Protein backbone atom coordinates (compact mmCIF):
# COMPACT_ATOMS: atom_id res chain seq x y z
CA MET A 1 0.00 0.00 0.00
CA GLN A 2 1.31 3.41 -0.96
CA ASN A 3 1.71 5.87 1.87
CA LYS A 4 0.73 9.53 1.92
CA THR A 5 4.21 10.77 1.00
CA GLU A 6 4.49 8.40 -1.96
CA ILE A 7 1.10 9.44 -3.33
CA LEU A 8 1.79 13.15 -2.95
CA THR A 9 5.28 12.78 -4.46
CA ALA A 10 4.00 10.76 -7.43
CA THR A 11 1.20 13.25 -8.05
CA ALA A 12 3.54 16.24 -7.86
CA ALA A 13 6.02 14.49 -10.17
CA ALA A 14 3.34 13.73 -12.76
CA VAL A 15 2.02 17.29 -12.69
CA GLY A 16 5.57 18.67 -12.80
CA ALA A 17 6.46 16.47 -15.77
CA SER A 18 3.37 17.66 -17.63
CA ALA A 19 4.22 21.28 -16.86
CA ALA A 20 7.83 20.83 -17.97
CA ALA A 21 6.91 19.06 -21.21
CA GLY A 22 4.28 21.67 -22.00
CA SER A 23 6.77 24.43 -21.31
CA VAL A 24 9.31 22.89 -23.67
CA ALA A 25 6.67 22.62 -26.42
CA THR A 26 5.36 26.16 -25.95
CA LYS A 27 7.07 28.62 -28.27
CA THR A 28 5.45 32.02 -27.83
CA ASP A 29 8.43 33.63 -29.56
CA SER A 30 8.09 31.57 -32.75
CA LEU A 31 7.45 33.44 -35.99
CA TRP A 32 4.37 31.29 -36.58
CA TYR A 33 2.78 32.28 -33.25
CA LEU A 34 3.84 35.93 -33.43
CA THR A 35 2.20 36.31 -36.84
CA ARG A 36 -1.15 34.80 -35.77
CA ARG A 37 -4.00 37.29 -35.44
CA LYS A 38 -5.27 37.18 -31.85
CA PRO A 39 -8.70 38.11 -30.50
CA ALA A 40 -9.16 41.29 -28.46
CA PHE A 41 -9.71 39.21 -25.32
CA GLN A 42 -6.23 37.61 -25.54
CA PRO A 43 -4.62 38.11 -22.11
CA PRO A 44 -1.19 39.76 -21.89
CA ALA A 45 1.73 37.38 -22.42
CA TRP A 46 3.02 37.72 -18.85
CA LEU A 47 -0.23 36.29 -17.45
CA PHE A 48 0.13 32.81 -18.96
CA PRO A 49 3.16 31.57 -16.97
CA VAL A 50 1.79 33.14 -13.78
CA ALA A 51 -1.63 31.52 -14.24
CA TRP A 52 -0.25 28.14 -15.26
CA THR A 53 2.18 27.99 -12.34
CA ALA A 54 -0.65 28.61 -9.88
CA LEU A 55 -2.90 26.12 -11.67
CA TYR A 56 -0.28 23.35 -11.70
CA VAL A 57 0.29 23.82 -7.96
CA ASP A 58 -3.49 23.67 -7.49
CA ILE A 59 -3.83 20.51 -9.59
CA ALA A 60 -1.08 18.73 -7.64
CA ALA A 61 -2.37 19.83 -4.24
CA VAL A 62 -6.06 19.09 -4.77
CA THR A 63 -5.72 15.82 -6.67
CA GLY A 64 -2.83 14.62 -4.52
CA THR A 65 -4.65 15.16 -1.24
CA THR A 66 -7.84 13.68 -2.69
CA LEU A 67 -5.95 10.59 -3.80
CA VAL A 68 -4.47 10.27 -0.30
CA GLU A 69 -7.93 10.50 1.25
CA LEU A 70 -9.32 7.85 -1.09
CA LYS A 71 -6.41 5.53 -0.30
CA GLU A 72 -6.77 6.08 3.45
CA GLN A 73 -10.50 5.30 3.22
CA GLY A 74 -9.74 2.07 1.35
CA LYS A 75 -11.61 3.25 -1.76
CA GLU A 76 -9.28 1.55 -4.23
CA GLU A 77 -11.58 1.74 -7.27
CA GLU A 78 -12.22 5.47 -6.80
CA PHE A 79 -8.49 5.96 -6.24
CA LYS A 80 -7.67 4.20 -9.51
CA ARG A 81 -10.35 6.11 -11.42
CA LEU A 82 -9.16 9.49 -10.14
CA ALA A 83 -5.52 8.61 -10.83
CA GLY A 84 -6.49 7.56 -14.37
CA ALA A 85 -8.55 10.71 -14.90
CA LEU A 86 -5.60 12.81 -13.74
CA GLY A 87 -3.24 10.97 -16.09
CA LEU A 88 -5.57 11.56 -19.03
CA ASN A 89 -5.98 15.21 -18.08
CA LEU A 90 -2.23 15.78 -17.88
CA ALA A 91 -1.72 14.06 -21.25
CA LEU A 92 -4.36 16.32 -22.81
CA ASN A 93 -2.82 19.35 -21.12
CA THR A 94 0.64 18.60 -22.49
CA GLY A 95 -0.74 17.48 -25.84
CA TRP A 96 -2.37 20.85 -26.48
CA CYS A 97 1.03 22.57 -26.34
CA PHE A 98 2.45 20.20 -28.92
CA LEU A 99 -0.58 20.41 -31.22
CA PHE A 100 -0.81 24.19 -31.13
CA PHE A 101 2.78 25.44 -30.91
CA ARG A 102 4.81 22.61 -32.47
CA GLY A 103 2.19 21.11 -34.77
CA LYS A 104 0.73 24.50 -35.76
CA LYS A 105 -2.71 22.88 -35.88
CA PRO A 106 -5.09 25.35 -34.22
CA ALA A 107 -8.25 23.57 -35.45
CA LEU A 108 -7.15 20.26 -33.96
CA ALA A 109 -5.83 22.07 -30.86
CA THR A 110 -9.28 23.64 -30.39
CA ALA A 111 -10.94 20.21 -30.37
CA GLU A 112 -8.24 18.91 -28.05
CA ALA A 113 -8.70 21.93 -25.75
CA ALA A 114 -12.42 21.15 -25.54
CA ALA A 115 -11.56 17.61 -24.45
CA LEU A 116 -9.12 19.07 -21.89
CA ALA A 117 -11.81 21.41 -20.53
CA ALA A 118 -14.24 18.50 -20.18
CA SER A 119 -11.54 16.43 -18.49
CA SER A 120 -10.74 19.31 -16.13
CA ALA A 121 -14.41 19.65 -15.18
CA ASP A 122 -14.46 15.90 -14.56
CA LEU A 123 -11.48 16.24 -12.18
CA VAL A 124 -13.37 18.93 -10.27
CA ARG A 125 -16.44 16.69 -10.06
CA ARG A 126 -14.43 13.72 -8.82
CA CYS A 127 -12.63 15.77 -6.16
CA VAL A 128 -15.81 17.53 -5.03
CA GLU A 129 -17.46 14.13 -4.52
CA VAL A 130 -14.72 13.22 -2.04
CA LYS A 131 -14.42 16.54 -0.21
CA PRO A 132 -16.43 19.48 -1.57
CA LYS A 133 -14.51 22.31 0.10
CA ARG A 134 -11.21 21.02 -1.26
CA GLY A 135 -12.58 19.91 -4.63
CA TRP A 136 -13.93 23.33 -5.53
CA TRP A 137 -10.40 24.74 -5.30
CA LEU A 138 -9.83 22.97 -8.62
CA ALA A 139 -12.64 24.91 -10.35
CA PRO A 140 -10.32 27.71 -11.59
CA TYR A 141 -8.45 25.08 -13.62
CA ALA A 142 -11.65 23.98 -15.34
CA ALA A 143 -12.59 27.61 -15.97
CA TRP A 144 -9.15 28.43 -17.38
CA THR A 145 -9.16 25.44 -19.73
CA GLY A 146 -12.66 26.43 -20.88
CA PHE A 147 -11.35 29.91 -21.60
CA ALA A 148 -8.33 28.39 -23.38
CA THR A 149 -10.71 26.47 -25.63
CA VAL A 150 -12.50 29.67 -26.63
CA LEU A 151 -9.19 31.48 -27.13
CA THR A 152 -7.70 28.68 -29.24
CA GLY A 153 -10.86 28.54 -31.35
CA ALA A 154 -10.80 32.30 -31.86
CA ILE A 155 -7.17 32.20 -32.99
CA TRP A 156 -8.01 29.37 -35.39
CA LEU A 157 -11.00 31.23 -36.85
CA LYS A 158 -9.13 34.52 -37.22
CA ASN A 159 -6.30 32.82 -39.12
CA ARG A 160 -7.93 30.11 -41.19
CA LYS A 161 -7.47 30.20 -44.91
CA LYS A 162 -10.61 31.08 -46.79
């Protein structure tokens, strides 16, 4: 049986790996990205790393402590489902960076972002079911990924070839 420290460490490592991989893939200084037309509601560039740092800490803290609680309560199936949902979410999170910045596929990245937003909302739901006060702390992540879907879609629409 994993102990609390092992679960929290594994969760933080998974979230950190996703953040690092996404950071490597993100190229906001690329000519391709710089020449994209952006919507008026595009946040300033400095906000993205600040927001994502806070969100990654939030993801690790909320899901990690929720996983610990499930393990301590002997809820193995719920533990496995939440761990799997987190893994999928982190893969989608990292995948968006590669699709959008490296792949230069904003249409596909928009669809992928929608899947990420749904996955993020699912993480909130799962964590709220275990401990509502803690689970709701993950809601900003779901909101941000929803906003990212709209932003990605707007960039795609403003730059598609007619």
